[in-house]
Amino acid sequence: MTEAGFVKAQSDNLPKIDAFMMTAYFASNPDFTSAEIRGVKAARSTRESYGDSAVGYVQVKRDGDICVVKAQMDYT
């Protein structure tokens, strides 16, 4: 399932991010609209347990100071 150049992501090989970084990403990315940010999915995703069932598989690839993280999301 892991793509070439990627390794299975674990808590010790993922970049550290915080809520402010996520907010800045969503605000600056044209793939997300303010309606989506305010929507039900956004509110539901803030629950602490949400990621436990939503994230299916995560892989990470590092190239110098660039880190690419890919995840399979299971939407319900």
PDB file of N, CA and C in Angstrom:
ATOM      1  N   MET A   1       0.819  -1.194   0.000  1.00  0.00           N
ATOM      2  CA  MET A   1       0.000   0.000   0.000  1.00  0.00           C
ATOM      3  C   MET A   1       0.866   1.264   0.000  1.00  0.00           C
ATOM      4  N   THR A   2       2.076   1.198   0.532  1.00  0.00           N
ATOM      5  CA  THR A   2       2.957   2.360   0.567  1.00  0.00           C
ATOM      6  C   THR A   2       3.558   2.609  -0.813  1.00  0.00           C
ATOM      7  N   GLU A   3       3.525   3.849  -1.268  1.00  0.00           N
ATOM      8  CA  GLU A   3       4.064   4.218  -2.565  1.00  0.00           C
ATOM      9  C   GLU A   3       5.587   4.298  -2.507  1.00  0.00           C
ATOM     10  N   ALA A   4       6.229   4.232  -3.669  1.00  0.00           N
ATOM     11  CA  ALA A   4       7.689   4.300  -3.751  1.00  0.00           C
ATOM     12  C   ALA A   4       8.195   5.606  -3.135  1.00  0.00           C
ATOM     13  N   GLY A   5       9.210   5.506  -2.296  1.00  0.00           N
ATOM     14  CA  GLY A   5       9.800   6.677  -1.663  1.00  0.00           C
ATOM     15  C   GLY A   5       9.126   7.078  -0.364  1.00  0.00           C
ATOM     16  N   PHE A   6       8.000   6.468  -0.048  1.00  0.00           N
ATOM     17  CA  PHE A   6       7.256   6.771   1.171  1.00  0.00           C
ATOM     18  C   PHE A   6       7.469   5.660   2.198  1.00  0.00           C
ATOM     19  N   VAL A   7       7.259   5.992   3.466  1.00  0.00           N
ATOM     20  CA  VAL A   7       7.249   5.010   4.544  1.00  0.00           C
ATOM     21  C   VAL A   7       5.950   5.185   5.314  1.00  0.00           C
ATOM     22  N   LYS A   8       5.541   4.132   6.022  1.00  0.00           N
ATOM     23  CA  LYS A   8       4.332   4.225   6.830  1.00  0.00           C
ATOM     24  C   LYS A   8       4.536   5.288   7.907  1.00  0.00           C
ATOM     25  N   ALA A   9       3.583   6.192   8.014  1.00  0.00           N
ATOM     26  CA  ALA A   9       3.675   7.280   8.991  1.00  0.00           C
ATOM     27  C   ALA A   9       3.398   6.759  10.393  1.00  0.00           C
ATOM     28  N   GLN A  10       4.164   7.270  11.335  1.00  0.00           N
ATOM     29  CA  GLN A  10       3.991   6.966  12.748  1.00  0.00           C
ATOM     30  C   GLN A  10       4.191   8.266  13.509  1.00  0.00           C
ATOM     31  N   SER A  11       3.843   8.280  14.755  1.00  0.00           N
ATOM     32  CA  SER A  11       3.927   9.513  15.538  1.00  0.00           C
ATOM     33  C   SER A  11       5.341  10.069  15.605  1.00  0.00           C
ATOM     34  N   ASP A  12       6.351   9.235  15.445  1.00  0.00           N
ATOM     35  CA  ASP A  12       7.727   9.719  15.554  1.00  0.00           C
ATOM     36  C   ASP A  12       8.342  10.178  14.228  1.00  0.00           C
ATOM     37  N   ASN A  13       7.639  10.010  13.088  1.00  0.00           N
ATOM     38  CA  ASN A  13       8.226  10.468  11.825  1.00  0.00           C
ATOM     39  C   ASN A  13       7.353  11.481  11.078  1.00  0.00           C
ATOM     40  N   LEU A  14       6.320  11.992  11.736  1.00  0.00           N
ATOM     41  CA  LEU A  14       5.465  13.018  11.139  1.00  0.00           C
ATOM     42  C   LEU A  14       5.896  14.405  11.603  1.00  0.00           C
ATOM     43  N   PRO A  15       5.696  15.435  10.770  1.00  0.00           N
ATOM     44  CA  PRO A  15       6.029  16.796  11.203  1.00  0.00           C
ATOM     45  C   PRO A  15       5.070  17.241  12.307  1.00  0.00           C
ATOM     46  N   LYS A  16       5.548  18.093  13.189  1.00  0.00           N
ATOM     47  CA  LYS A  16       4.709  18.628  14.266  1.00  0.00           C
ATOM     48  C   LYS A  16       3.929  19.818  13.727  1.00  0.00           C
ATOM     49  N   ILE A  17       2.601  19.803  13.880  1.00  0.00           N
ATOM     50  CA  ILE A  17       1.751  20.913  13.461  1.00  0.00           C
ATOM     51  C   ILE A  17       0.806  21.269  14.598  1.00  0.00           C
ATOM     52  N   ASP A  18       0.236  22.473  14.520  1.00  0.00           N
ATOM     53  CA  ASP A  18      -0.724  22.890  15.540  1.00  0.00           C
ATOM     54  C   ASP A  18      -1.971  23.455  14.854  1.00  0.00           C
ATOM     55  N   ALA A  19      -2.944  23.831  15.651  1.00  0.00           N
ATOM     56  CA  ALA A  19      -4.211  24.331  15.111  1.00  0.00           C
ATOM     57  C   ALA A  19      -4.024  25.597  14.282  1.00  0.00           C
ATOM     58  N   PHE A  20      -3.079  26.443  14.653  1.00  0.00           N
ATOM     59  CA  PHE A  20      -2.844  27.675  13.902  1.00  0.00           C
ATOM     60  C   PHE A  20      -2.300  27.374  12.509  1.00  0.00           C
ATOM     61  N   MET A  21      -1.436  26.383  12.400  1.00  0.00           N
ATOM     62  CA  MET A  21      -0.913  25.997  11.092  1.00  0.00           C
ATOM     63  C   MET A  21      -2.032  25.450  10.203  1.00  0.00           C
ATOM     64  N   MET A  22      -2.916  24.637  10.782  1.00  0.00           N
ATOM     65  CA  MET A  22      -4.037  24.093  10.015  1.00  0.00           C
ATOM     66  C   MET A  22      -4.986  25.197   9.564  1.00  0.00           C
ATOM     67  N   THR A  23      -5.278  26.140  10.451  1.00  0.00           N
ATOM     68  CA  THR A  23      -6.161  27.252  10.102  1.00  0.00           C
ATOM     69  C   THR A  23      -5.559  28.078   8.974  1.00  0.00           C
ATOM     70  N   ALA A  24      -4.269  28.360   9.053  1.00  0.00           N
ATOM     71  CA  ALA A  24      -3.597  29.127   8.000  1.00  0.00           C
ATOM     72  C   ALA A  24      -3.653  28.377   6.670  1.00  0.00           C
ATOM     73  N   TYR A  25      -3.465  27.063   6.714  1.00  0.00           N
ATOM     74  CA  TYR A  25      -3.534  26.261   5.492  1.00  0.00           C
ATOM     75  C   TYR A  25      -4.921  26.330   4.862  1.00  0.00           C
ATOM     76  N   PHE A  26      -5.947  26.079   5.660  1.00  0.00           N
ATOM     77  CA  PHE A  26      -7.312  26.116   5.129  1.00  0.00           C
ATOM     78  C   PHE A  26      -7.678  27.500   4.607  1.00  0.00           C
ATOM     79  N   ALA A  27      -7.238  28.556   5.283  1.00  0.00           N
ATOM     80  CA  ALA A  27      -7.567  29.924   4.870  1.00  0.00           C
ATOM     81  C   ALA A  27      -6.874  30.310   3.565  1.00  0.00           C
ATOM     82  N   SER A  28      -5.688  29.755   3.309  1.00  0.00           N
ATOM     83  CA  SER A  28      -4.929  30.164   2.128  1.00  0.00           C
ATOM     84  C   SER A  28      -5.073  29.206   0.949  1.00  0.00           C
ATOM     85  N   ASN A  29      -5.706  28.051   1.138  1.00  0.00           N
ATOM     86  CA  ASN A  29      -5.815  27.063   0.081  1.00  0.00           C
ATOM     87  C   ASN A  29      -7.133  27.252  -0.677  1.00  0.00           C
ATOM     88  N   PRO A  30      -7.068  27.446  -1.993  1.00  0.00           N
ATOM     89  CA  PRO A  30      -8.291  27.672  -2.774  1.00  0.00           C
ATOM     90  C   PRO A  30      -9.194  26.447  -2.867  1.00  0.00           C
ATOM     91  N   ASP A  31      -8.707  25.271  -2.474  1.00  0.00           N
ATOM     92  CA  ASP A  31      -9.541  24.069  -2.504  1.00  0.00           C
ATOM     93  C   ASP A  31     -10.581  24.043  -1.388  1.00  0.00           C
ATOM     94  N   PHE A  32     -10.434  24.939  -0.409  1.00  0.00           N
ATOM     95  CA  PHE A  32     -11.363  25.008   0.714  1.00  0.00           C
ATOM     96  C   PHE A  32     -12.050  26.364   0.704  1.00  0.00           C
ATOM     97  N   THR A  33     -13.362  26.371   0.890  1.00  0.00           N
ATOM     98  CA  THR A  33     -14.093  27.629   0.933  1.00  0.00           C
ATOM     99  C   THR A  33     -14.510  27.914   2.369  1.00  0.00           C
ATOM    100  N   SER A  34     -14.836  29.151   2.653  1.00  0.00           N
ATOM    101  CA  SER A  34     -15.240  29.504   4.009  1.00  0.00           C
ATOM    102  C   SER A  34     -16.492  28.737   4.436  1.00  0.00           C
ATOM    103  N   ALA A  35     -17.373  28.440   3.488  1.00  0.00           N
ATOM    104  CA  ALA A  35     -18.570  27.656   3.821  1.00  0.00           C
ATOM    105  C   ALA A  35     -18.182  26.264   4.294  1.00  0.00           C
ATOM    106  N   GLU A  36     -17.166  25.662   3.653  1.00  0.00           N
ATOM    107  CA  GLU A  36     -16.716  24.340   4.083  1.00  0.00           C
ATOM    108  C   GLU A  36     -16.073  24.401   5.448  1.00  0.00           C
ATOM    109  N   ILE A  37     -15.331  25.457   5.707  1.00  0.00           N
ATOM    110  CA  ILE A  37     -14.664  25.591   7.003  1.00  0.00           C
ATOM    111  C   ILE A  37     -15.686  25.734   8.113  1.00  0.00           C
ATOM    112  N   ARG A  38     -16.788  26.432   7.843  1.00  0.00           N
ATOM    113  CA  ARG A  38     -17.826  26.631   8.861  1.00  0.00           C
ATOM    114  C   ARG A  38     -18.807  25.474   8.924  1.00  0.00           C
ATOM    115  N   GLY A  39     -18.730  24.548   7.977  1.00  0.00           N
ATOM    116  CA  GLY A  39     -19.742  23.506   7.843  1.00  0.00           C
ATOM    117  C   GLY A  39     -19.708  22.420   8.899  1.00  0.00           C
ATOM    118  N   VAL A  40     -20.622  21.522   8.719  1.00  0.00           N
ATOM    119  CA  VAL A  40     -20.805  20.426   9.661  1.00  0.00           C
ATOM    120  C   VAL A  40     -19.578  19.522   9.702  1.00  0.00           C
ATOM    121  N   LYS A  41     -18.992  19.241   8.547  1.00  0.00           N
ATOM    122  CA  LYS A  41     -17.813  18.375   8.536  1.00  0.00           C
ATOM    123  C   LYS A  41     -16.685  18.978   9.356  1.00  0.00           C
ATOM    124  N   ALA A  42     -16.497  20.281   9.243  1.00  0.00           N
ATOM    125  CA  ALA A  42     -15.443  20.931  10.016  1.00  0.00           C
ATOM    126  C   ALA A  42     -15.723  20.829  11.504  1.00  0.00           C
ATOM    127  N   ALA A  43     -16.964  21.035  11.904  1.00  0.00           N
ATOM    128  CA  ALA A  43     -17.314  20.933  13.322  1.00  0.00           C
ATOM    129  C   ALA A  43     -17.142  19.509  13.817  1.00  0.00           C
ATOM    130  N   ARG A  44     -17.563  18.546  13.006  1.00  0.00           N
ATOM    131  CA  ARG A  44     -17.435  17.147  13.394  1.00  0.00           C
ATOM    132  C   ARG A  44     -15.972  16.735  13.503  1.00  0.00           C
ATOM    133  N   SER A  45     -15.115  17.291  12.641  1.00  0.00           N
ATOM    134  CA  SER A  45     -13.708  16.910  12.638  1.00  0.00           C
ATOM    135  C   SER A  45     -12.940  17.442  13.849  1.00  0.00           C
ATOM    136  N   THR A  46     -13.529  18.358  14.600  1.00  0.00           N
ATOM    137  CA  THR A  46     -12.839  18.887  15.772  1.00  0.00           C
ATOM    138  C   THR A  46     -12.949  17.968  16.979  1.00  0.00           C
ATOM    139  N   ARG A  47     -13.841  16.985  16.911  1.00  0.00           N
ATOM    140  CA  ARG A  47     -13.938  16.038  18.021  1.00  0.00           C
ATOM    141  C   ARG A  47     -12.640  15.259  18.139  1.00  0.00           C
ATOM    142  N   GLU A  48     -12.216  15.032  19.352  1.00  0.00           N
ATOM    143  CA  GLU A  48     -10.933  14.360  19.594  1.00  0.00           C
ATOM    144  C   GLU A  48     -10.875  12.978  18.960  1.00  0.00           C
ATOM    145  N   SER A  49     -11.989  12.258  18.940  1.00  0.00           N
ATOM    146  CA  SER A  49     -11.997  10.891  18.430  1.00  0.00           C
ATOM    147  C   SER A  49     -12.209  10.818  16.918  1.00  0.00           C
ATOM    148  N   TYR A  50     -12.444  11.938  16.246  1.00  0.00           N
ATOM    149  CA  TYR A  50     -12.770  11.916  14.823  1.00  0.00           C
ATOM    150  C   TYR A  50     -11.691  11.236  13.991  1.00  0.00           C
ATOM    151  N   GLY A  51     -10.458  11.589  14.218  1.00  0.00           N
ATOM    152  CA  GLY A  51      -9.363  11.041  13.423  1.00  0.00           C
ATOM    153  C   GLY A  51      -9.188   9.557  13.586  1.00  0.00           C
ATOM    154  N   ASP A  52      -9.616   9.009  14.712  1.00  0.00           N
ATOM    155  CA  ASP A  52      -9.470   7.576  14.955  1.00  0.00           C
ATOM    156  C   ASP A  52     -10.189   6.752  13.906  1.00  0.00           C
ATOM    157  N   SER A  53     -11.377   7.172  13.497  1.00  0.00           N
ATOM    158  CA  SER A  53     -12.137   6.397  12.521  1.00  0.00           C
ATOM    159  C   SER A  53     -12.019   6.957  11.106  1.00  0.00           C
ATOM    160  N   ALA A  54     -11.645   8.213  10.944  1.00  0.00           N
ATOM    161  CA  ALA A  54     -11.615   8.838   9.622  1.00  0.00           C
ATOM    162  C   ALA A  54     -10.346   8.512   8.845  1.00  0.00           C
ATOM    163  N   VAL A  55      -9.215   8.408   9.511  1.00  0.00           N
ATOM    164  CA  VAL A  55      -7.947   8.189   8.835  1.00  0.00           C
ATOM    165  C   VAL A  55      -7.716   6.698   8.656  1.00  0.00           C
ATOM    166  N   GLY A  56      -7.607   6.272   7.385  1.00  0.00           N
ATOM    167  CA  GLY A  56      -7.407   4.866   7.097  1.00  0.00           C
ATOM    168  C   GLY A  56      -5.946   4.473   7.058  1.00  0.00           C
ATOM    169  N   TYR A  57      -5.111   5.242   6.359  1.00  0.00           N
ATOM    170  CA  TYR A  57      -3.694   4.917   6.205  1.00  0.00           C
ATOM    171  C   TYR A  57      -2.935   6.206   5.932  1.00  0.00           C
ATOM    172  N   VAL A  58      -1.769   6.356   6.523  1.00  0.00           N
ATOM    173  CA  VAL A  58      -0.953   7.556   6.335  1.00  0.00           C
ATOM    174  C   VAL A  58       0.461   7.137   5.975  1.00  0.00           C
ATOM    175  N   GLN A  59       1.034   7.832   4.980  1.00  0.00           N
ATOM    176  CA  GLN A  59       2.417   7.596   4.596  1.00  0.00           C
ATOM    177  C   GLN A  59       3.143   8.927   4.485  1.00  0.00           C
ATOM    178  N   VAL A  60       4.448   8.904   4.679  1.00  0.00           N
ATOM    179  CA  VAL A  60       5.233  10.129   4.696  1.00  0.00           C
ATOM    180  C   VAL A  60       6.505   9.946   3.868  1.00  0.00           C
ATOM    181  N   LYS A  61       6.926  11.038   3.224  1.00  0.00           N
ATOM    182  CA  LYS A  61       8.159  11.038   2.433  1.00  0.00           C
ATOM    183  C   LYS A  61       8.902  12.328   2.744  1.00  0.00           C
ATOM    184  N   ARG A  62      10.168  12.216   3.119  1.00  0.00           N
ATOM    185  CA  ARG A  62      10.985  13.400   3.412  1.00  0.00           C
ATOM    186  C   ARG A  62      12.063  13.541   2.347  1.00  0.00           C
ATOM    187  N   ASP A  63      12.239  14.784   1.886  1.00  0.00           N
ATOM    188  CA  ASP A  63      13.281  15.103   0.910  1.00  0.00           C
ATOM    189  C   ASP A  63      13.905  16.416   1.340  1.00  0.00           C
ATOM    190  N   GLY A  64      14.977  16.349   2.103  1.00  0.00           N
ATOM    191  CA  GLY A  64      15.580  17.559   2.663  1.00  0.00           C
ATOM    192  C   GLY A  64      14.632  18.179   3.669  1.00  0.00           C
ATOM    193  N   ASP A  65      14.296  19.461   3.461  1.00  0.00           N
ATOM    194  CA  ASP A  65      13.379  20.129   4.390  1.00  0.00           C
ATOM    195  C   ASP A  65      11.922  20.074   3.924  1.00  0.00           C
ATOM    196  N   ILE A  66      11.643  19.274   2.895  1.00  0.00           N
ATOM    197  CA  ILE A  66      10.282  19.093   2.398  1.00  0.00           C
ATOM    198  C   ILE A  66       9.740  17.765   2.932  1.00  0.00           C
ATOM    199  N   CYS A  67       8.520  17.806   3.463  1.00  0.00           N
ATOM    200  CA  CYS A  67       7.868  16.609   3.988  1.00  0.00           C
ATOM    201  C   CYS A  67       6.509  16.481   3.312  1.00  0.00           C
ATOM    202  N   VAL A  68       6.282  15.353   2.645  1.00  0.00           N
ATOM    203  CA  VAL A  68       5.012  15.091   1.981  1.00  0.00           C
ATOM    204  C   VAL A  68       4.284  14.018   2.783  1.00  0.00           C
ATOM    205  N   VAL A  69       3.061  14.324   3.176  1.00  0.00           N
ATOM    206  CA  VAL A  69       2.244  13.383   3.933  1.00  0.00           C
ATOM    207  C   VAL A  69       1.000  13.084   3.106  1.00  0.00           C
ATOM    208  N   LYS A  70       0.726  11.795   2.879  1.00  0.00           N
ATOM    209  CA  LYS A  70      -0.470  11.363   2.156  1.00  0.00           C
ATOM    210  C   LYS A  70      -1.289  10.501   3.096  1.00  0.00           C
ATOM    211  N   ALA A  71      -2.607  10.709   3.062  1.00  0.00           N
ATOM    212  CA  ALA A  71      -3.493   9.926   3.924  1.00  0.00           C
ATOM    213  C   ALA A  71      -4.691   9.436   3.132  1.00  0.00           C
ATOM    214  N   GLN A  72      -5.153   8.268   3.496  1.00  0.00           N
ATOM    215  CA  GLN A  72      -6.399   7.732   2.961  1.00  0.00           C
ATOM    216  C   GLN A  72      -7.473   8.038   3.994  1.00  0.00           C
ATOM    217  N   MET A  73      -8.493   8.779   3.576  1.00  0.00           N
ATOM    218  CA  MET A  73      -9.562   9.169   4.485  1.00  0.00           C
ATOM    219  C   MET A  73     -10.806   8.344   4.194  1.00  0.00           C
ATOM    220  N   ASP A  74     -11.427   7.850   5.241  1.00  0.00           N
ATOM    221  CA  ASP A  74     -12.657   7.091   5.123  1.00  0.00           C
ATOM    222  C   ASP A  74     -13.811   7.997   5.562  1.00  0.00           C
ATOM    223  N   TYR A  75     -14.528   8.561   4.589  1.00  0.00           N
ATOM    224  CA  TYR A  75     -15.632   9.472   4.889  1.00  0.00           C
ATOM    225  C   TYR A  75     -16.911   8.695   5.127  1.00  0.00           C
ATOM    226  N   THR A  76     -17.631   9.108   6.151  1.00  0.00           N
ATOM    227  CA  THR A  76     -18.923   8.477   6.422  1.00  0.00           C
ATOM    228  C   THR A  76     -19.973   9.537   6.582  1.00  0.00           C
TER     229      THR A  76
END
